[in-house]
Amino acid sequence: MNISKELIIVLVVALLIFGPSRLAGLGAALGKTIRDFRKSMEDPDENKLAPPSTPQSPQGQSKP
């Protein structure tokens, strides 16, 4: 049960330092970050960059 007492103390100190509105914003940002990370871990192929395309000159024309 020491872990729960320590967690409560840390949360109370964070509430006193940041305030309720700032703490809510930090929680929302942390939740969004975790959600995005999990999404990227589930579908890693979606995040791969496409190889850069090289411009090709039209056939039949030579460069000067």
Foldseek 3Di string as FASTA:
>chain_A
DVVVVVVVVVVVVCCVVQNDVRVVVVVVVVVVVVVVVVVCVVPVVVPDDDPDDDDDDDPPDDDD
